[in-house]
Amino acid sequence: MNHTSPAPVAQAPAPLKTPEATGGAPRPAAGQRIAGLLQRQGVLAVLLTVVIVASFIYPTFGTLDNARGVSVQASFGAVVALGMTLVIITGGIDLSVGSVFALGGVLAAWASQWGFLAALFAPLVACGAIGLLNGLLVARAGMAPFIVTLATLLGARGLLLAITDEGATTYLIPKGSAFAELGQGSVRGFGYPILIALALFGIGGLLLQRTSFGQTLFAVGGSNDAAMLMGLPVARTKILVYTLSGLLAGFAGALSAARLSSGVTIVGVGMELDAISAVVIGGTLLIGGAGSVSGTLWGVLLLAVIQNLINQIGSLDSSYQSVVSGGFLIVVVVAQRYLARSRRTT
C-alpha cells in the first residue's frame, strides 16, 4: 500500500521586529531630533555667538566686571520671567507682573523700617495675594487670563500710587541693614541677586522635569480638556502657577529695592513684555504645552547682553533695544512654527 507524504505547508515569513514589538520606544527621525534640539537650545547658540563676536569687537565687553554687571541687572527680570514661564507653559499669560514687581519694591522699602522679615514678607504676602486672585478668576471663574491680569496690572499700579501719594513719597531702606545687604552683598564679586536667581532657576528646573506637578503643567498646556479627562487637578494647578508668578514678581521687586536702597515707583513699566519676550525667545510656546526654564534664562541673558552691547556702541539710543528685541521675537516665533512643522512631518 502506497503512502503519499503530505505536501509541505508554506510558512509565512516571520514578521519584522519593530521597536514597539521588541518593547522599545520608536526612535525619532534625525530631522525631528535636530528640530527639537534647535527649538530648545537655539537661543543658547545665538547668545554664545553674540558674546564671542562682541568680545572681539569691544574689549571692555568681555571683561569679568562687565559680565557681573550684566548678570546683576538681568537677575531681577530673570526671577519675573521664571514665574511667567510656568504660566505660559499652562497656556496662560500674566500681564500684571510689571506692576506687581514695582508694588513689591515699594512695600519692601516701606516695611524695612520694621526689620528684615517685615521687608521680605510684606511684598510676598501682598503680591502672592494678587497672584492668587489671578488664579482664582482664571481657573474657577473661567475668565480669560489676558483680561484678568490686565485688570490686576491696573489695580496693582493704582495701589502703588495710593501708597506713595501719587509717587510723591519715596520710601528708603536703611543703609547697612540686613535687607539692604540682600540686594547689595556679594560672594567673590557675584552679587546675591545673581546667586538667588540661579538657585530659583535650579529649583524651577527640578520642579518642571522631576516632579508630577511639572508634568501636570505640560499636560494642562498641551490640552486642558484632555488633562481634565485624565483626572489631573487642572484648576488647582492654574491657581498655583499664577500665585507663584505673583510671589516671584513681588520677590524680584523686593530684591531690586534692596539693591537701590529705595522703593522706586516708576520701575516695572513694560517689564511684563520683556518677560514674555524672554520666555518665548527661550523656546517656550505661547500656546502652552512646551518650554523650559533653562531656555528662559538664556533668553533673559540674550536681551540683557543686547542692551549692554547697545551701551557699548554708545552712538545708539537705548530704545534700539526694543527694536532688536522685537526683531528677535518675530524671528523666534517664525522659527518655532517652522521647527514644529518639521517635527510633525519628518
C-alpha atoms as a PDB file:
ATOM      1  CA  MET A   1       0.000   0.000   0.000  1.00  0.00           C
ATOM      2  CA  ASN A   2       1.485   3.255  -1.095  1.00  0.00           C
ATOM      3  CA  HIS A   3       1.616   6.093   1.350  1.00  0.00           C
ATOM      4  CA  THR A   4       1.807   9.545  -0.068  1.00  0.00           C
ATOM      5  CA  SER A   5       3.722  12.036   2.009  1.00  0.00           C
ATOM      6  CA  PRO A   6       1.835  15.187   2.874  1.00  0.00           C
ATOM      7  CA  ALA A   7       2.570  18.269   0.838  1.00  0.00           C
ATOM      8  CA  PRO A   8       4.821  20.735   2.596  1.00  0.00           C
ATOM      9  CA  VAL A   9       2.961  23.589   4.236  1.00  0.00           C
ATOM     10  CA  ALA A  10       4.169  27.001   3.189  1.00  0.00           C
ATOM     11  CA  GLN A  11       5.279  29.031   6.186  1.00  0.00           C
ATOM     12  CA  ALA A  12       4.512  32.698   6.441  1.00  0.00           C
ATOM     13  CA  PRO A  13       7.554  34.900   6.629  1.00  0.00           C
ATOM     14  CA  ALA A  14       8.489  35.945  10.120  1.00  0.00           C
ATOM     15  CA  PRO A  15       7.184  39.439  10.941  1.00  0.00           C
ATOM     16  CA  LEU A  16       9.674  42.193  11.023  1.00  0.00           C
ATOM     17  CA  LYS A  17      10.669  43.215  14.514  1.00  0.00           C
ATOM     18  CA  THR A  18       9.660  46.786  15.171  1.00  0.00           C
ATOM     19  CA  PRO A  19      10.776  48.828  18.162  1.00  0.00           C
ATOM     20  CA  GLU A  20       7.262  48.500  19.578  1.00  0.00           C
ATOM     21  CA  ALA A  21       7.340  44.697  19.207  1.00  0.00           C
ATOM     22  CA  THR A  22      10.656  44.432  20.987  1.00  0.00           C
ATOM     23  CA  GLY A  23       9.457  46.567  23.840  1.00  0.00           C
ATOM     24  CA  GLY A  24      11.356  49.734  22.935  1.00  0.00           C
ATOM     25  CA  ALA A  25      10.009  53.116  22.001  1.00  0.00           C
ATOM     26  CA  PRO A  26      10.352  54.206  18.369  1.00  0.00           C
ATOM     27  CA  ARG A  27      13.348  56.412  17.838  1.00  0.00           C
ATOM     28  CA  PRO A  28      12.559  59.801  16.365  1.00  0.00           C
ATOM     29  CA  ALA A  29      13.992  60.594  12.970  1.00  0.00           C
ATOM     30  CA  ALA A  30      17.171  62.643  12.764  1.00  0.00           C
ATOM     31  CA  GLY A  31      15.248  65.645  11.464  1.00  0.00           C
ATOM     32  CA  GLN A  32      12.896  65.526  14.421  1.00  0.00           C
ATOM     33  CA  ARG A  33      15.763  65.337  16.895  1.00  0.00           C
ATOM     34  CA  ILE A  34      17.567  68.277  15.278  1.00  0.00           C
ATOM     35  CA  ALA A  35      14.397  70.371  15.144  1.00  0.00           C
ATOM     36  CA  GLY A  36      13.676  69.609  18.799  1.00  0.00           C
ATOM     37  CA  LEU A  37      17.232  70.493  19.819  1.00  0.00           C
ATOM     38  CA  LEU A  38      17.133  73.794  17.941  1.00  0.00           C
ATOM     39  CA  GLN A  39      13.769  74.652  19.465  1.00  0.00           C
ATOM     40  CA  ARG A  40      15.107  74.017  22.983  1.00  0.00           C
ATOM     41  CA  GLN A  41      18.698  75.280  22.790  1.00  0.00           C
ATOM     42  CA  GLY A  42      18.893  77.506  19.717  1.00  0.00           C
ATOM     43  CA  VAL A  43      18.848  80.646  21.852  1.00  0.00           C
ATOM     44  CA  LEU A  44      21.947  79.444  23.720  1.00  0.00           C
ATOM     45  CA  ALA A  45      23.850  79.157  20.436  1.00  0.00           C
ATOM     46  CA  VAL A  46      22.753  82.691  19.484  1.00  0.00           C
ATOM     47  CA  LEU A  47      23.759  84.018  22.924  1.00  0.00           C
ATOM     48  CA  LEU A  48      27.232  82.465  22.732  1.00  0.00           C
ATOM     49  CA  THR A  49      27.731  83.774  19.192  1.00  0.00           C
ATOM     50  CA  VAL A  50      26.767  87.326  20.179  1.00  0.00           C
ATOM     51  CA  VAL A  51      29.028  87.231  23.250  1.00  0.00           C
ATOM     52  CA  ILE A  52      32.047  85.909  21.316  1.00  0.00           C
ATOM     53  CA  VAL A  53      31.703  88.367  18.429  1.00  0.00           C
ATOM     54  CA  ALA A  54      31.054  91.336  20.735  1.00  0.00           C
ATOM     55  CA  SER A  55      34.071  90.442  22.886  1.00  0.00           C
ATOM     56  CA  PHE A  56      36.349  90.686  19.842  1.00  0.00           C
ATOM     57  CA  ILE A  57      34.846  93.973  18.668  1.00  0.00           C
ATOM     58  CA  TYR A  58      34.594  95.710  22.066  1.00  0.00           C
ATOM     59  CA  PRO A  59      37.380  94.693  24.505  1.00  0.00           C
ATOM     60  CA  THR A  60      35.523  96.067  27.547  1.00  0.00           C
ATOM     61  CA  PHE A  61      32.506  93.897  26.758  1.00  0.00           C
ATOM     62  CA  GLY A  62      34.258  90.613  27.560  1.00  0.00           C
ATOM     63  CA  THR A  63      35.633  91.670  30.956  1.00  0.00           C
ATOM     64  CA  LEU A  64      34.589  89.950  34.176  1.00  0.00           C
ATOM     65  CA  ASP A  65      33.356  93.222  35.677  1.00  0.00           C
ATOM     66  CA  ASN A  66      31.050  93.785  32.719  1.00  0.00           C
ATOM     67  CA  ALA A  67      29.760  90.214  32.966  1.00  0.00           C
ATOM     68  CA  ARG A  68      28.969  90.742  36.643  1.00  0.00           C
ATOM     69  CA  GLY A  69      27.159  93.977  35.904  1.00  0.00           C
ATOM     70  CA  VAL A  70      25.060  92.429  33.135  1.00  0.00           C
ATOM     71  CA  SER A  71      24.213  89.441  35.330  1.00  0.00           C
ATOM     72  CA  VAL A  72      23.079  91.575  38.261  1.00  0.00           C
ATOM     73  CA  GLN A  73      20.860  93.730  36.057  1.00  0.00           C
ATOM     74  CA  ALA A  74      19.384  90.639  34.414  1.00  0.00           C
ATOM     75  CA  SER A  75      18.752  88.772  37.671  1.00  0.00           C
ATOM     76  CA  PHE A  76      15.626  90.745  38.634  1.00  0.00           C
ATOM     77  CA  GLY A  77      13.960  90.261  35.262  1.00  0.00           C
ATOM     78  CA  ALA A  78      15.024  86.613  35.303  1.00  0.00           C
ATOM     79  CA  VAL A  79      13.097  85.936  38.515  1.00  0.00           C
ATOM     80  CA  VAL A  80       9.991  87.548  36.992  1.00  0.00           C
ATOM     81  CA  ALA A  81      10.447  85.573  33.764  1.00  0.00           C
ATOM     82  CA  LEU A  82      10.697  82.321  35.733  1.00  0.00           C
ATOM     83  CA  GLY A  83       7.159  82.776  37.026  1.00  0.00           C
ATOM     84  CA  MET A  84       5.995  83.793  33.556  1.00  0.00           C
ATOM     85  CA  THR A  85       7.450  80.573  32.148  1.00  0.00           C
ATOM     86  CA  LEU A  86       5.304  78.428  34.423  1.00  0.00           C
ATOM     87  CA  VAL A  87       2.182  80.396  33.488  1.00  0.00           C
ATOM     88  CA  ILE A  88       2.810  80.259  29.738  1.00  0.00           C
ATOM     89  CA  ILE A  89       3.539  76.518  29.814  1.00  0.00           C
ATOM     90  CA  THR A  90      -0.032  76.034  31.083  1.00  0.00           C
ATOM     91  CA  GLY A  91      -1.328  78.093  28.167  1.00  0.00           C
ATOM     92  CA  GLY A  92      -1.904  81.281  30.179  1.00  0.00           C
ATOM     93  CA  ILE A  93      -0.407  84.763  30.349  1.00  0.00           C
ATOM     94  CA  ASP A  94       0.316  87.182  33.193  1.00  0.00           C
ATOM     95  CA  LEU A  95       0.360  90.860  32.270  1.00  0.00           C
ATOM     96  CA  SER A  96       0.380  92.037  35.883  1.00  0.00           C
ATOM     97  CA  VAL A  97       3.995  91.145  36.734  1.00  0.00           C
ATOM     98  CA  GLY A  98       5.454  94.586  35.922  1.00  0.00           C
ATOM     99  CA  SER A  99       3.089  96.403  38.270  1.00  0.00           C
ATOM    100  CA  VAL A 100       3.426  93.665  40.885  1.00  0.00           C
ATOM    101  CA  PHE A 101       7.224  93.991  40.644  1.00  0.00           C
ATOM    102  CA  ALA A 102       7.023  97.734  41.350  1.00  0.00           C
ATOM    103  CA  LEU A 103       4.490  97.211  44.155  1.00  0.00           C
ATOM    104  CA  GLY A 104       6.748  94.606  45.762  1.00  0.00           C
ATOM    105  CA  GLY A 105       9.661  97.048  45.798  1.00  0.00           C
ATOM    106  CA  VAL A 106       7.647  99.843  47.382  1.00  0.00           C
ATOM    107  CA  LEU A 107       6.143  97.544  50.034  1.00  0.00           C
ATOM    108  CA  ALA A 108       9.579  96.149  50.871  1.00  0.00           C
ATOM    109  CA  ALA A 109      11.041  99.637  51.291  1.00  0.00           C
ATOM    110  CA  TRP A 110       8.055 100.777  53.359  1.00  0.00           C
ATOM    111  CA  ALA A 111       8.221  97.730  55.651  1.00  0.00           C
ATOM    112  CA  SER A 112      12.018  97.768  56.015  1.00  0.00           C
ATOM    113  CA  GLN A 113      11.699 100.181  58.957  1.00  0.00           C
ATOM    114  CA  TRP A 114      10.415  97.211  60.982  1.00  0.00           C
ATOM    115  CA  GLY A 115      13.275  94.897  60.066  1.00  0.00           C
ATOM    116  CA  PHE A 116      14.366  92.228  57.603  1.00  0.00           C
ATOM    117  CA  LEU A 117      11.425  89.835  57.973  1.00  0.00           C
ATOM    118  CA  ALA A 118       8.838  92.587  57.576  1.00  0.00           C
ATOM    119  CA  ALA A 119      10.575  93.888  54.452  1.00  0.00           C
ATOM    120  CA  LEU A 120      10.626  90.399  52.967  1.00  0.00           C
ATOM    121  CA  PHE A 121       7.174  89.141  53.896  1.00  0.00           C
ATOM    122  CA  ALA A 122       5.139  92.294  53.172  1.00  0.00           C
ATOM    123  CA  PRO A 123       5.699  92.122  49.395  1.00  0.00           C
ATOM    124  CA  LEU A 124       5.385  88.322  49.341  1.00  0.00           C
ATOM    125  CA  VAL A 125       2.012  88.377  51.083  1.00  0.00           C
ATOM    126  CA  ALA A 126       0.551  91.231  49.035  1.00  0.00           C
ATOM    127  CA  CYS A 127       1.922  90.114  45.664  1.00  0.00           C
ATOM    128  CA  GLY A 128       1.121  86.476  46.355  1.00  0.00           C
ATOM    129  CA  ALA A 129      -2.468  87.540  47.081  1.00  0.00           C
ATOM    130  CA  ILE A 130      -2.646  89.292  43.707  1.00  0.00           C
ATOM    131  CA  GLY A 131      -1.356  86.159  42.005  1.00  0.00           C
ATOM    132  CA  LEU A 132      -3.880  84.053  43.910  1.00  0.00           C
ATOM    133  CA  LEU A 133      -6.676  86.371  42.753  1.00  0.00           C
ATOM    134  CA  ASN A 134      -5.495  85.974  39.155  1.00  0.00           C
ATOM    135  CA  GLY A 135      -5.509  82.194  39.507  1.00  0.00           C
ATOM    136  CA  LEU A 136      -8.954  82.025  41.082  1.00  0.00           C
ATOM    137  CA  LEU A 137     -10.521  84.232  38.410  1.00  0.00           C
ATOM    138  CA  VAL A 138      -8.871  82.264  35.592  1.00  0.00           C
ATOM    139  CA  ALA A 139      -9.340  78.745  36.964  1.00  0.00           C
ATOM    140  CA  ARG A 140     -12.592  78.985  38.921  1.00  0.00           C
ATOM    141  CA  ALA A 141     -14.477  81.800  37.212  1.00  0.00           C
ATOM    142  CA  GLY A 142     -13.307  80.784  33.735  1.00  0.00           C
ATOM    143  CA  MET A 143     -12.237  84.306  32.781  1.00  0.00           C
ATOM    144  CA  ALA A 144      -9.653  84.983  30.078  1.00  0.00           C
ATOM    145  CA  PRO A 145      -6.107  85.357  31.512  1.00  0.00           C
ATOM    146  CA  PHE A 146      -5.467  88.422  29.332  1.00  0.00           C
ATOM    147  CA  ILE A 147      -8.428  90.325  30.791  1.00  0.00           C
ATOM    148  CA  VAL A 148      -7.858  89.201  34.381  1.00  0.00           C
ATOM    149  CA  THR A 149      -4.166  90.068  34.508  1.00  0.00           C
ATOM    150  CA  LEU A 150      -4.712  93.331  32.637  1.00  0.00           C
ATOM    151  CA  ALA A 151      -7.169  94.319  35.374  1.00  0.00           C
ATOM    152  CA  THR A 152      -4.738  93.399  38.156  1.00  0.00           C
ATOM    153  CA  LEU A 153      -1.958  95.252  36.304  1.00  0.00           C
ATOM    154  CA  LEU A 154      -4.018  98.416  36.624  1.00  0.00           C
ATOM    155  CA  GLY A 155      -5.074  97.581  40.173  1.00  0.00           C
ATOM    156  CA  ALA A 156      -1.535  96.927  41.402  1.00  0.00           C
ATOM    157  CA  ARG A 157      -0.272 100.138  39.818  1.00  0.00           C
ATOM    158  CA  GLY A 158      -3.143 102.073  41.406  1.00  0.00           C
ATOM    159  CA  LEU A 159      -2.377 100.570  44.835  1.00  0.00           C
ATOM    160  CA  LEU A 160       1.259 101.515  44.362  1.00  0.00           C
ATOM    161  CA  LEU A 161       0.333 105.134  43.645  1.00  0.00           C
ATOM    162  CA  ALA A 162      -2.005 105.238  46.647  1.00  0.00           C
ATOM    163  CA  ILE A 163       0.751 104.017  48.989  1.00  0.00           C
ATOM    164  CA  THR A 164       3.234 106.593  47.671  1.00  0.00           C
ATOM    165  CA  ASP A 165       0.848 109.590  47.472  1.00  0.00           C
ATOM    166  CA  GLU A 166       0.817 109.539  43.653  1.00  0.00           C
ATOM    167  CA  GLY A 167       4.566 108.953  43.611  1.00  0.00           C
ATOM    168  CA  ALA A 168       5.381 111.962  45.828  1.00  0.00           C
ATOM    169  CA  THR A 169       6.705 109.774  48.671  1.00  0.00           C
ATOM    170  CA  THR A 170       9.770 107.583  48.229  1.00  0.00           C
ATOM    171  CA  TYR A 171      10.450 105.076  50.987  1.00  0.00           C
ATOM    172  CA  LEU A 172      14.132 104.475  51.767  1.00  0.00           C
ATOM    173  CA  ILE A 173      15.753 101.326  53.072  1.00  0.00           C
ATOM    174  CA  PRO A 174      18.164 101.957  55.984  1.00  0.00           C
ATOM    175  CA  LYS A 175      21.755 101.741  54.817  1.00  0.00           C
ATOM    176  CA  GLY A 176      23.702  98.851  56.264  1.00  0.00           C
ATOM    177  CA  SER A 177      20.556  96.932  57.179  1.00  0.00           C
ATOM    178  CA  ALA A 178      20.325  93.188  56.619  1.00  0.00           C
ATOM    179  CA  PHE A 179      17.702  93.714  53.946  1.00  0.00           C
ATOM    180  CA  ALA A 180      19.890  96.161  52.007  1.00  0.00           C
ATOM    181  CA  GLU A 181      22.694  93.601  52.183  1.00  0.00           C
ATOM    182  CA  LEU A 182      20.400  91.093  50.434  1.00  0.00           C
ATOM    183  CA  GLY A 183      20.496  93.225  47.291  1.00  0.00           C
ATOM    184  CA  GLN A 184      23.959  94.757  47.600  1.00  0.00           C
ATOM    185  CA  GLY A 185      26.070  91.959  49.093  1.00  0.00           C
ATOM    186  CA  SER A 186      28.227  89.645  47.034  1.00  0.00           C
ATOM    187  CA  VAL A 187      30.268  86.456  47.106  1.00  0.00           C
ATOM    188  CA  ARG A 188      33.613  86.797  45.304  1.00  0.00           C
ATOM    189  CA  GLY A 189      32.256  89.689  43.279  1.00  0.00           C
ATOM    190  CA  PHE A 190      28.999  87.986  42.283  1.00  0.00           C
ATOM    191  CA  GLY A 191      26.044  89.738  43.834  1.00  0.00           C
ATOM    192  CA  TYR A 192      23.473  87.948  45.947  1.00  0.00           C
ATOM    193  CA  PRO A 193      20.730  88.640  43.367  1.00  0.00           C
ATOM    194  CA  ILE A 194      22.657  86.555  40.818  1.00  0.00           C
ATOM    195  CA  LEU A 195      23.050  83.634  43.206  1.00  0.00           C
ATOM    196  CA  ILE A 196      19.412  83.835  44.296  1.00  0.00           C
ATOM    197  CA  ALA A 197      18.189  83.884  40.679  1.00  0.00           C
ATOM    198  CA  LEU A 198      20.342  80.862  39.795  1.00  0.00           C
ATOM    199  CA  ALA A 199      19.062  78.964  42.843  1.00  0.00           C
ATOM    200  CA  LEU A 200      15.446  79.724  41.900  1.00  0.00           C
ATOM    201  CA  PHE A 201      16.025  78.578  38.327  1.00  0.00           C
ATOM    202  CA  GLY A 202      17.596  75.381  39.612  1.00  0.00           C
ATOM    203  CA  ILE A 203      14.521  74.728  41.757  1.00  0.00           C
ATOM    204  CA  GLY A 204      12.268  75.604  38.828  1.00  0.00           C
ATOM    205  CA  GLY A 205      14.089  73.160  36.553  1.00  0.00           C
ATOM    206  CA  LEU A 206      13.752  70.341  39.064  1.00  0.00           C
ATOM    207  CA  LEU A 207      10.097  71.216  39.558  1.00  0.00           C
ATOM    208  CA  LEU A 208       9.357  71.008  35.847  1.00  0.00           C
ATOM    209  CA  GLN A 209      11.385  67.948  34.952  1.00  0.00           C
ATOM    210  CA  ARG A 210      11.430  65.787  38.078  1.00  0.00           C
ATOM    211  CA  THR A 211       8.010  66.150  39.694  1.00  0.00           C
ATOM    212  CA  SER A 212       4.455  65.177  38.864  1.00  0.00           C
ATOM    213  CA  PHE A 213       3.494  68.841  39.233  1.00  0.00           C
ATOM    214  CA  GLY A 214       5.798  69.752  36.358  1.00  0.00           C
ATOM    215  CA  GLN A 215       4.326  67.039  34.144  1.00  0.00           C
ATOM    216  CA  THR A 216       0.858  68.314  35.027  1.00  0.00           C
ATOM    217  CA  LEU A 217       1.845  71.782  33.801  1.00  0.00           C
ATOM    218  CA  PHE A 218       2.802  70.379  30.404  1.00  0.00           C
ATOM    219  CA  ALA A 219      -0.375  68.292  30.247  1.00  0.00           C
ATOM    220  CA  VAL A 220      -2.612  71.257  31.064  1.00  0.00           C
ATOM    221  CA  GLY A 221      -0.866  73.417  28.475  1.00  0.00           C
ATOM    222  CA  GLY A 222      -0.998  70.681  25.859  1.00  0.00           C
ATOM    223  CA  SER A 223      -4.751  70.091  26.199  1.00  0.00           C
ATOM    224  CA  ASN A 224      -6.868  71.436  29.005  1.00  0.00           C
ATOM    225  CA  ASP A 225      -9.763  69.068  28.232  1.00  0.00           C
ATOM    226  CA  ALA A 226      -7.532  66.011  27.965  1.00  0.00           C
ATOM    227  CA  ALA A 227      -5.894  66.870  31.292  1.00  0.00           C
ATOM    228  CA  MET A 228      -9.323  67.046  32.932  1.00  0.00           C
ATOM    229  CA  LEU A 229     -10.330  63.683  31.440  1.00  0.00           C
ATOM    230  CA  MET A 230      -7.122  62.201  32.849  1.00  0.00           C
ATOM    231  CA  GLY A 231      -8.198  63.339  36.306  1.00  0.00           C
ATOM    232  CA  LEU A 232      -5.434  65.906  36.720  1.00  0.00           C
ATOM    233  CA  PRO A 233      -6.025  68.860  39.102  1.00  0.00           C
ATOM    234  CA  VAL A 234      -6.302  71.469  36.334  1.00  0.00           C
ATOM    235  CA  ALA A 235      -7.894  74.277  38.355  1.00  0.00           C
ATOM    236  CA  ARG A 236      -5.570  73.809  41.318  1.00  0.00           C
ATOM    237  CA  THR A 237      -2.543  73.792  39.013  1.00  0.00           C
ATOM    238  CA  LYS A 238      -3.538  77.064  37.348  1.00  0.00           C
ATOM    239  CA  ILE A 239      -4.197  78.728  40.686  1.00  0.00           C
ATOM    240  CA  LEU A 240      -0.783  77.639  41.916  1.00  0.00           C
ATOM    241  CA  VAL A 241       1.180  78.868  38.881  1.00  0.00           C
ATOM    242  CA  TYR A 242      -0.457  82.307  38.953  1.00  0.00           C
ATOM    243  CA  THR A 243       0.230  82.530  42.693  1.00  0.00           C
ATOM    244  CA  LEU A 244       3.865  81.576  42.094  1.00  0.00           C
ATOM    245  CA  SER A 245       4.098  84.203  39.354  1.00  0.00           C
ATOM    246  CA  GLY A 246       2.854  86.883  41.755  1.00  0.00           C
ATOM    247  CA  LEU A 247       5.209  85.718  44.510  1.00  0.00           C
ATOM    248  CA  LEU A 248       8.249  85.715  42.227  1.00  0.00           C
ATOM    249  CA  ALA A 249       7.412  89.137  40.758  1.00  0.00           C
ATOM    250  CA  GLY A 250       6.981  90.591  44.259  1.00  0.00           C
ATOM    251  CA  PHE A 251      10.196  88.970  45.468  1.00  0.00           C
ATOM    252  CA  ALA A 252      12.106  90.320  42.440  1.00  0.00           C
ATOM    253  CA  GLY A 253      10.749  93.796  43.242  1.00  0.00           C
ATOM    254  CA  ALA A 254      11.909  93.459  46.838  1.00  0.00           C
ATOM    255  CA  LEU A 255      15.398  92.428  45.664  1.00  0.00           C
ATOM    256  CA  SER A 256      15.524  95.401  43.318  1.00  0.00           C
ATOM    257  CA  ALA A 257      14.506  97.760  46.127  1.00  0.00           C
ATOM    258  CA  ALA A 258      17.232  96.305  48.361  1.00  0.00           C
ATOM    259  CA  ARG A 259      19.711  96.897  45.550  1.00  0.00           C
ATOM    260  CA  LEU A 260      18.615 100.514  45.040  1.00  0.00           C
ATOM    261  CA  SER A 261      18.010 101.200  48.775  1.00  0.00           C
ATOM    262  CA  SER A 262      14.579 102.606  47.937  1.00  0.00           C
ATOM    263  CA  GLY A 263      11.180 101.745  46.553  1.00  0.00           C
ATOM    264  CA  VAL A 264      11.142 103.369  43.119  1.00  0.00           C
ATOM    265  CA  THR A 265       7.624 103.924  41.804  1.00  0.00           C
ATOM    266  CA  ILE A 266       8.433 104.144  38.082  1.00  0.00           C
ATOM    267  CA  VAL A 267      10.121 100.751  37.710  1.00  0.00           C
ATOM    268  CA  GLY A 268       8.441  97.751  36.127  1.00  0.00           C
ATOM    269  CA  VAL A 269       6.754  99.614  33.271  1.00  0.00           C
ATOM    270  CA  GLY A 270       6.806  97.240  30.310  1.00  0.00           C
ATOM    271  CA  MET A 271       8.527  94.500  32.313  1.00  0.00           C
ATOM    272  CA  GLU A 272       5.717  92.059  31.503  1.00  0.00           C
ATOM    273  CA  LEU A 273       6.529  92.413  27.794  1.00  0.00           C
ATOM    274  CA  ASP A 274      10.242  91.865  28.447  1.00  0.00           C
ATOM    275  CA  ALA A 275       9.425  88.740  30.464  1.00  0.00           C
ATOM    276  CA  ILE A 276       7.145  87.351  27.749  1.00  0.00           C
ATOM    277  CA  SER A 277       9.796  88.091  25.112  1.00  0.00           C
ATOM    278  CA  ALA A 278      12.495  86.281  27.092  1.00  0.00           C
ATOM    279  CA  VAL A 279      10.242  83.267  27.671  1.00  0.00           C
ATOM    280  CA  VAL A 280       9.260  82.964  24.002  1.00  0.00           C
ATOM    281  CA  ILE A 281      12.792  83.592  22.744  1.00  0.00           C
ATOM    282  CA  GLY A 282      13.881  80.823  25.130  1.00  0.00           C
ATOM    283  CA  GLY A 283      11.718  78.310  23.271  1.00  0.00           C
ATOM    284  CA  THR A 284       8.544  78.176  25.359  1.00  0.00           C
ATOM    285  CA  LEU A 285       5.473  78.046  23.121  1.00  0.00           C
ATOM    286  CA  LEU A 286       2.881  80.776  23.669  1.00  0.00           C
ATOM    287  CA  ILE A 287       0.129  78.207  23.097  1.00  0.00           C
ATOM    288  CA  GLY A 288       1.464  76.195  26.058  1.00  0.00           C
ATOM    289  CA  GLY A 289       2.498  72.599  26.494  1.00  0.00           C
ATOM    290  CA  ALA A 290       6.237  73.013  25.849  1.00  0.00           C
ATOM    291  CA  GLY A 291       9.078  75.004  27.358  1.00  0.00           C
ATOM    292  CA  SER A 292      11.982  75.029  29.771  1.00  0.00           C
ATOM    293  CA  VAL A 293      13.377  77.299  32.467  1.00  0.00           C
ATOM    294  CA  SER A 294      16.897  76.992  31.045  1.00  0.00           C
ATOM    295  CA  GLY A 295      15.698  78.428  27.739  1.00  0.00           C
ATOM    296  CA  THR A 296      14.097  81.324  29.610  1.00  0.00           C
ATOM    297  CA  LEU A 297      17.386  82.009  31.405  1.00  0.00           C
ATOM    298  CA  TRP A 298      19.246  82.160  28.078  1.00  0.00           C
ATOM    299  CA  GLY A 299      16.525  84.420  26.683  1.00  0.00           C
ATOM    300  CA  VAL A 300      16.840  86.843  29.605  1.00  0.00           C
ATOM    301  CA  LEU A 301      20.623  86.928  29.258  1.00  0.00           C
ATOM    302  CA  LEU A 302      20.411  87.456  25.493  1.00  0.00           C
ATOM    303  CA  LEU A 303      18.191  90.517  25.926  1.00  0.00           C
ATOM    304  CA  ALA A 304      20.472  91.837  28.690  1.00  0.00           C
ATOM    305  CA  VAL A 305      23.560  91.321  26.506  1.00  0.00           C
ATOM    306  CA  ILE A 306      21.886  93.179  23.637  1.00  0.00           C
ATOM    307  CA  GLN A 307      21.129  96.114  25.950  1.00  0.00           C
ATOM    308  CA  ASN A 308      24.718  96.152  27.206  1.00  0.00           C
ATOM    309  CA  LEU A 309      26.057  95.916  23.671  1.00  0.00           C
ATOM    310  CA  ILE A 310      23.971  98.929  22.656  1.00  0.00           C
ATOM    311  CA  ASN A 311      25.502 100.806  25.605  1.00  0.00           C
ATOM    312  CA  GLN A 312      28.965  99.714  24.455  1.00  0.00           C
ATOM    313  CA  ILE A 313      28.350 101.116  20.977  1.00  0.00           C
ATOM    314  CA  GLY A 314      27.493 104.482  22.520  1.00  0.00           C
ATOM    315  CA  SER A 315      26.086 106.096  19.391  1.00  0.00           C
ATOM    316  CA  LEU A 316      22.785 104.188  19.641  1.00  0.00           C
ATOM    317  CA  ASP A 317      19.860 105.136  21.835  1.00  0.00           C
ATOM    318  CA  SER A 318      18.661 102.589  24.408  1.00  0.00           C
ATOM    319  CA  SER A 319      15.316 102.472  22.624  1.00  0.00           C
ATOM    320  CA  TYR A 320      17.030 100.375  19.963  1.00  0.00           C
ATOM    321  CA  GLN A 321      16.876  97.505  22.433  1.00  0.00           C
ATOM    322  CA  SER A 322      13.120  97.335  21.899  1.00  0.00           C
ATOM    323  CA  VAL A 323      13.646  97.261  18.143  1.00  0.00           C
ATOM    324  CA  VAL A 324      16.199  94.460  18.382  1.00  0.00           C
ATOM    325  CA  SER A 325      14.137  92.525  20.946  1.00  0.00           C
ATOM    326  CA  GLY A 326      11.066  92.776  18.728  1.00  0.00           C
ATOM    327  CA  GLY A 327      13.070  91.555  15.754  1.00  0.00           C
ATOM    328  CA  PHE A 328      14.397  88.593  17.729  1.00  0.00           C
ATOM    329  CA  LEU A 329      10.875  87.786  18.905  1.00  0.00           C
ATOM    330  CA  ILE A 330       9.477  87.719  15.370  1.00  0.00           C
ATOM    331  CA  VAL A 331      12.335  85.548  14.130  1.00  0.00           C
ATOM    332  CA  VAL A 332      11.960  83.113  17.034  1.00  0.00           C
ATOM    333  CA  VAL A 333       8.179  82.752  16.642  1.00  0.00           C
ATOM    334  CA  VAL A 334       8.548  82.094  12.901  1.00  0.00           C
ATOM    335  CA  ALA A 335      11.353  79.615  13.589  1.00  0.00           C
ATOM    336  CA  GLN A 336       9.260  77.833  16.228  1.00  0.00           C
ATOM    337  CA  ARG A 337       6.403  77.379  13.766  1.00  0.00           C
ATOM    338  CA  TYR A 338       8.792  76.013  11.140  1.00  0.00           C
ATOM    339  CA  LEU A 339      10.501  73.664  13.596  1.00  0.00           C
ATOM    340  CA  ALA A 340       7.183  72.417  14.955  1.00  0.00           C
ATOM    341  CA  ARG A 341       6.021  71.701  11.405  1.00  0.00           C
ATOM    342  CA  SER A 342       9.288  69.889  10.685  1.00  0.00           C
ATOM    343  CA  ARG A 343       8.880  67.669  13.754  1.00  0.00           C
ATOM    344  CA  ARG A 344       5.352  66.689  12.652  1.00  0.00           C
ATOM    345  CA  THR A 345       6.219  65.924   9.038  1.00  0.00           C
ATOM    346  CA  THR A 346       9.642  64.306   9.452  1.00  0.00           C
END
